Amino acid sequence: MSPHPQSVLIRKSVTVALAVLGIHLMAGRAAAIGVTYEMTVTASGTLGAVPFTDALVTMRLVSDTSNVTFDGATNPAFPLWLNTGVTTIDI
């Protein structure tokens, strides 16, 4: 004798609900975190009217990963990931 169709449907529904709940509980939460990009080079040039030669130049961008956006439309051959934030330059 086969089980009643309604009891099979209820059993399947409970199994699916438990699977979804388990996946939800195991999934980590997405969280934005602080990020710092830093680039250091030796350069020569002028800052206003003040020249500098072979100076260490450090550029630093402090931001958050929630600010990251994708730009694939400006130049489809070279899509960009963009991040905005506070930038400082030390010479």
N, C-alpha and C. Protein backbone atom coordinates (compact mmCIF):
# COMPACT_ATOMS: atom_id res chain seq x y z
N MET A 1 0.84 -1.17 0.00
CA MET A 1 0.00 0.00 0.00
C MET A 1 0.89 1.24 0.00
N SER A 2 0.62 2.17 -0.91
CA SER A 2 1.45 3.36 -1.01
C SER A 2 0.96 4.43 -0.02
N PRO A 3 1.89 5.31 0.41
CA PRO A 3 1.48 6.36 1.37
C PRO A 3 0.48 7.32 0.73
N HIS A 4 -0.27 7.95 1.57
CA HIS A 4 -1.27 8.91 1.12
C HIS A 4 -0.54 10.08 0.43
N PRO A 5 -1.03 10.55 -0.74
CA PRO A 5 -0.36 11.62 -1.49
C PRO A 5 -0.15 12.89 -0.67
N GLN A 6 -1.09 13.21 0.22
CA GLN A 6 -0.95 14.42 1.01
C GLN A 6 0.20 14.28 2.01
N SER A 7 0.39 13.09 2.59
CA SER A 7 1.49 12.91 3.55
C SER A 7 2.84 12.97 2.85
N VAL A 8 2.91 12.51 1.60
CA VAL A 8 4.15 12.60 0.83
C VAL A 8 4.46 14.06 0.54
N LEU A 9 3.45 14.84 0.19
CA LEU A 9 3.63 16.27 -0.10
C LEU A 9 4.10 17.01 1.16
N ILE A 10 3.51 16.71 2.29
CA ILE A 10 3.91 17.35 3.55
C ILE A 10 5.34 16.98 3.89
N ARG A 11 5.71 15.70 3.74
CA ARG A 11 7.07 15.25 4.03
C ARG A 11 8.07 15.96 3.13
N LYS A 12 7.75 16.10 1.82
CA LYS A 12 8.66 16.79 0.90
C LYS A 12 8.77 18.27 1.26
N SER A 13 7.66 18.88 1.63
CA SER A 13 7.67 20.29 2.01
C SER A 13 8.53 20.53 3.25
N VAL A 14 8.41 19.64 4.23
CA VAL A 14 9.21 19.76 5.45
C VAL A 14 10.69 19.56 5.12
N THR A 15 11.02 18.61 4.25
CA THR A 15 12.40 18.37 3.87
C THR A 15 12.99 19.58 3.17
N VAL A 16 12.25 20.18 2.26
CA VAL A 16 12.72 21.37 1.55
C VAL A 16 12.90 22.53 2.52
N ALA A 17 11.94 22.73 3.42
CA ALA A 17 12.03 23.81 4.39
C ALA A 17 13.25 23.65 5.30
N LEU A 18 13.52 22.43 5.74
CA LEU A 18 14.70 22.18 6.59
C LEU A 18 15.99 22.39 5.81
N ALA A 19 16.02 22.01 4.55
CA ALA A 19 17.21 22.22 3.73
C ALA A 19 17.48 23.71 3.54
N VAL A 20 16.43 24.48 3.24
CA VAL A 20 16.59 25.94 3.07
C VAL A 20 17.04 26.57 4.38
N LEU A 21 16.47 26.17 5.49
CA LEU A 21 16.87 26.70 6.79
C LEU A 21 18.33 26.36 7.09
N GLY A 22 18.74 25.14 6.80
CA GLY A 22 20.12 24.74 7.03
C GLY A 22 21.10 25.54 6.19
N ILE A 23 20.78 25.75 4.93
CA ILE A 23 21.64 26.54 4.05
C ILE A 23 21.72 27.97 4.57
N HIS A 24 20.60 28.51 4.98
CA HIS A 24 20.57 29.88 5.49
C HIS A 24 21.43 30.01 6.75
N LEU A 25 21.35 29.05 7.63
CA LEU A 25 22.11 29.11 8.88
C LEU A 25 23.61 28.93 8.64
N MET A 26 23.98 28.16 7.63
CA MET A 26 25.39 27.91 7.35
C MET A 26 26.03 29.03 6.54
N ALA A 27 25.23 29.80 5.84
CA ALA A 27 25.78 30.85 4.97
C ALA A 27 26.32 31.98 5.83
N GLY A 28 27.50 32.47 5.47
CA GLY A 28 28.08 33.60 6.17
C GLY A 28 27.43 34.89 5.74
N ARG A 29 27.46 35.85 6.59
CA ARG A 29 26.90 37.15 6.25
C ARG A 29 27.93 37.95 5.48
N ALA A 30 27.47 38.69 4.50
CA ALA A 30 28.34 39.59 3.76
C ALA A 30 28.56 40.83 4.61
N ALA A 31 29.80 41.24 4.70
CA ALA A 31 30.10 42.42 5.50
C ALA A 31 31.14 43.27 4.78
N ALA A 32 30.92 44.56 4.80
CA ALA A 32 31.89 45.48 4.21
C ALA A 32 32.98 45.74 5.25
N ILE A 33 34.20 45.79 4.78
CA ILE A 33 35.32 46.06 5.69
C ILE A 33 36.17 47.17 5.10
N GLY A 34 36.94 47.79 5.96
CA GLY A 34 37.84 48.85 5.52
C GLY A 34 38.95 48.28 4.64
N VAL A 35 39.39 49.10 3.70
CA VAL A 35 40.46 48.68 2.81
C VAL A 35 41.35 49.89 2.54
N THR A 36 42.66 49.66 2.44
CA THR A 36 43.61 50.72 2.13
C THR A 36 44.45 50.28 0.94
N TYR A 37 44.48 51.13 -0.09
CA TYR A 37 45.34 50.91 -1.25
C TYR A 37 46.52 51.85 -1.09
N GLU A 38 47.73 51.34 -1.33
CA GLU A 38 48.90 52.19 -1.19
C GLU A 38 49.88 51.91 -2.32
N MET A 39 50.41 52.99 -2.91
CA MET A 39 51.39 52.85 -3.96
C MET A 39 52.52 53.83 -3.67
N THR A 40 53.75 53.33 -3.72
CA THR A 40 54.92 54.16 -3.46
C THR A 40 55.85 54.10 -4.67
N VAL A 41 56.29 55.29 -5.10
CA VAL A 41 57.21 55.39 -6.24
C VAL A 41 58.26 56.44 -5.94
N THR A 42 59.35 56.40 -6.66
CA THR A 42 60.34 57.47 -6.63
C THR A 42 60.10 58.32 -7.86
N ALA A 43 59.93 59.63 -7.65
CA ALA A 43 59.55 60.50 -8.76
C ALA A 43 60.24 61.85 -8.65
N SER A 44 60.26 62.54 -9.77
CA SER A 44 60.75 63.92 -9.83
C SER A 44 59.66 64.76 -10.48
N GLY A 45 59.57 66.02 -10.08
CA GLY A 45 58.56 66.89 -10.67
C GLY A 45 58.48 68.19 -9.91
N THR A 46 57.35 68.83 -10.00
CA THR A 46 57.12 70.06 -9.25
C THR A 46 55.76 69.99 -8.58
N LEU A 47 55.68 70.63 -7.46
CA LEU A 47 54.42 70.77 -6.74
C LEU A 47 54.19 72.27 -6.62
N GLY A 48 53.31 72.79 -7.46
CA GLY A 48 53.20 74.25 -7.58
C GLY A 48 54.49 74.74 -8.21
N ALA A 49 55.21 75.63 -7.51
CA ALA A 49 56.48 76.16 -8.02
C ALA A 49 57.67 75.47 -7.36
N VAL A 50 57.43 74.47 -6.52
CA VAL A 50 58.51 73.82 -5.77
C VAL A 50 58.92 72.52 -6.47
N PRO A 51 60.17 72.46 -6.97
CA PRO A 51 60.61 71.22 -7.63
C PRO A 51 61.05 70.18 -6.59
N PHE A 52 60.95 68.91 -6.99
CA PHE A 52 61.51 67.82 -6.18
C PHE A 52 62.15 66.81 -7.13
N THR A 53 63.22 66.18 -6.65
CA THR A 53 63.98 65.24 -7.47
C THR A 53 64.18 63.94 -6.70
N ASP A 54 63.90 62.82 -7.36
CA ASP A 54 64.07 61.48 -6.77
C ASP A 54 63.45 61.39 -5.37
N ALA A 55 62.28 61.95 -5.21
CA ALA A 55 61.59 61.92 -3.92
C ALA A 55 60.69 60.70 -3.84
N LEU A 56 60.53 60.19 -2.63
CA LEU A 56 59.62 59.07 -2.39
C LEU A 56 58.20 59.64 -2.34
N VAL A 57 57.33 59.18 -3.23
CA VAL A 57 55.94 59.65 -3.30
C VAL A 57 55.04 58.48 -2.93
N THR A 58 54.20 58.69 -1.92
CA THR A 58 53.27 57.64 -1.49
C THR A 58 51.85 58.15 -1.68
N MET A 59 51.06 57.39 -2.42
CA MET A 59 49.64 57.68 -2.62
C MET A 59 48.85 56.62 -1.85
N ARG A 60 47.88 57.08 -1.06
CA ARG A 60 47.12 56.16 -0.21
C ARG A 60 45.63 56.49 -0.33
N LEU A 61 44.82 55.47 -0.59
CA LEU A 61 43.37 55.61 -0.65
C LEU A 61 42.79 54.76 0.47
N VAL A 62 42.03 55.39 1.36
CA VAL A 62 41.36 54.68 2.46
C VAL A 62 39.88 54.67 2.14
N SER A 63 39.29 53.48 2.15
CA SER A 63 37.90 53.36 1.76
C SER A 63 37.26 52.18 2.46
N ASP A 64 36.17 51.70 1.89
CA ASP A 64 35.41 50.59 2.42
C ASP A 64 34.99 49.71 1.25
N THR A 65 34.96 48.42 1.43
CA THR A 65 34.62 47.53 0.32
C THR A 65 33.19 47.71 -0.16
N SER A 66 32.34 48.35 0.65
CA SER A 66 30.96 48.60 0.20
C SER A 66 30.91 49.69 -0.87
N ASN A 67 32.00 50.44 -1.06
CA ASN A 67 32.05 51.50 -2.07
C ASN A 67 32.48 50.98 -3.44
N VAL A 68 32.86 49.73 -3.55
CA VAL A 68 33.36 49.19 -4.81
C VAL A 68 32.22 49.06 -5.82
N THR A 69 32.47 49.59 -7.03
CA THR A 69 31.49 49.46 -8.11
C THR A 69 32.20 48.94 -9.36
N PHE A 70 31.44 48.38 -10.26
CA PHE A 70 32.00 47.83 -11.50
C PHE A 70 31.62 48.73 -12.66
N ASP A 71 32.60 49.07 -13.49
CA ASP A 71 32.35 49.87 -14.68
C ASP A 71 32.85 49.09 -15.89
N GLY A 72 31.94 48.42 -16.56
CA GLY A 72 32.31 47.67 -17.76
C GLY A 72 31.86 48.36 -19.03
N ALA A 73 31.17 49.51 -18.87
CA ALA A 73 30.61 50.18 -20.04
C ALA A 73 31.54 51.23 -20.64
N THR A 74 32.36 51.89 -19.82
CA THR A 74 33.21 52.96 -20.32
C THR A 74 34.16 52.45 -21.39
N ASN A 75 34.82 51.34 -21.10
CA ASN A 75 35.72 50.72 -22.07
C ASN A 75 35.59 49.21 -21.92
N PRO A 76 34.69 48.57 -22.68
CA PRO A 76 34.43 47.14 -22.51
C PRO A 76 35.68 46.25 -22.65
N ALA A 77 36.70 46.72 -23.36
CA ALA A 77 37.92 45.93 -23.50
C ALA A 77 38.71 45.89 -22.19
N PHE A 78 38.54 46.92 -21.35
CA PHE A 78 39.25 47.00 -20.07
C PHE A 78 38.28 47.41 -18.97
N PRO A 79 37.42 46.49 -18.52
CA PRO A 79 36.46 46.84 -17.47
C PRO A 79 37.20 47.18 -16.17
N LEU A 80 36.61 48.06 -15.39
CA LEU A 80 37.26 48.55 -14.18
C LEU A 80 36.42 48.27 -12.94
N TRP A 81 37.11 47.97 -11.84
CA TRP A 81 36.49 47.97 -10.53
C TRP A 81 36.91 49.29 -9.89
N LEU A 82 35.96 50.09 -9.46
CA LEU A 82 36.24 51.41 -8.92
C LEU A 82 35.94 51.44 -7.42
N ASN A 83 36.75 52.21 -6.69
CA ASN A 83 36.51 52.39 -5.27
C ASN A 83 36.79 53.84 -4.92
N THR A 84 35.83 54.50 -4.31
CA THR A 84 36.01 55.89 -3.93
C THR A 84 36.36 55.99 -2.46
N GLY A 85 37.07 57.02 -2.10
CA GLY A 85 37.44 57.19 -0.71
C GLY A 85 38.34 58.41 -0.56
N VAL A 86 38.97 58.53 0.59
CA VAL A 86 39.86 59.64 0.88
C VAL A 86 41.27 59.28 0.40
N THR A 87 41.85 60.15 -0.44
CA THR A 87 43.18 59.90 -0.97
C THR A 87 44.16 60.93 -0.43
N THR A 88 45.33 60.47 0.00
CA THR A 88 46.39 61.37 0.43
C THR A 88 47.63 61.07 -0.39
N ILE A 89 48.44 62.11 -0.62
CA ILE A 89 49.71 61.97 -1.32
C ILE A 89 50.78 62.59 -0.44
N ASP A 90 51.80 61.80 -0.11
CA ASP A 90 52.93 62.27 0.69
C ASP A 90 54.17 62.31 -0.19
N ILE A 91 54.88 63.44 -0.14
CA ILE A 91 56.13 63.57 -0.91
C ILE A 91 57.24 63.90 0.08
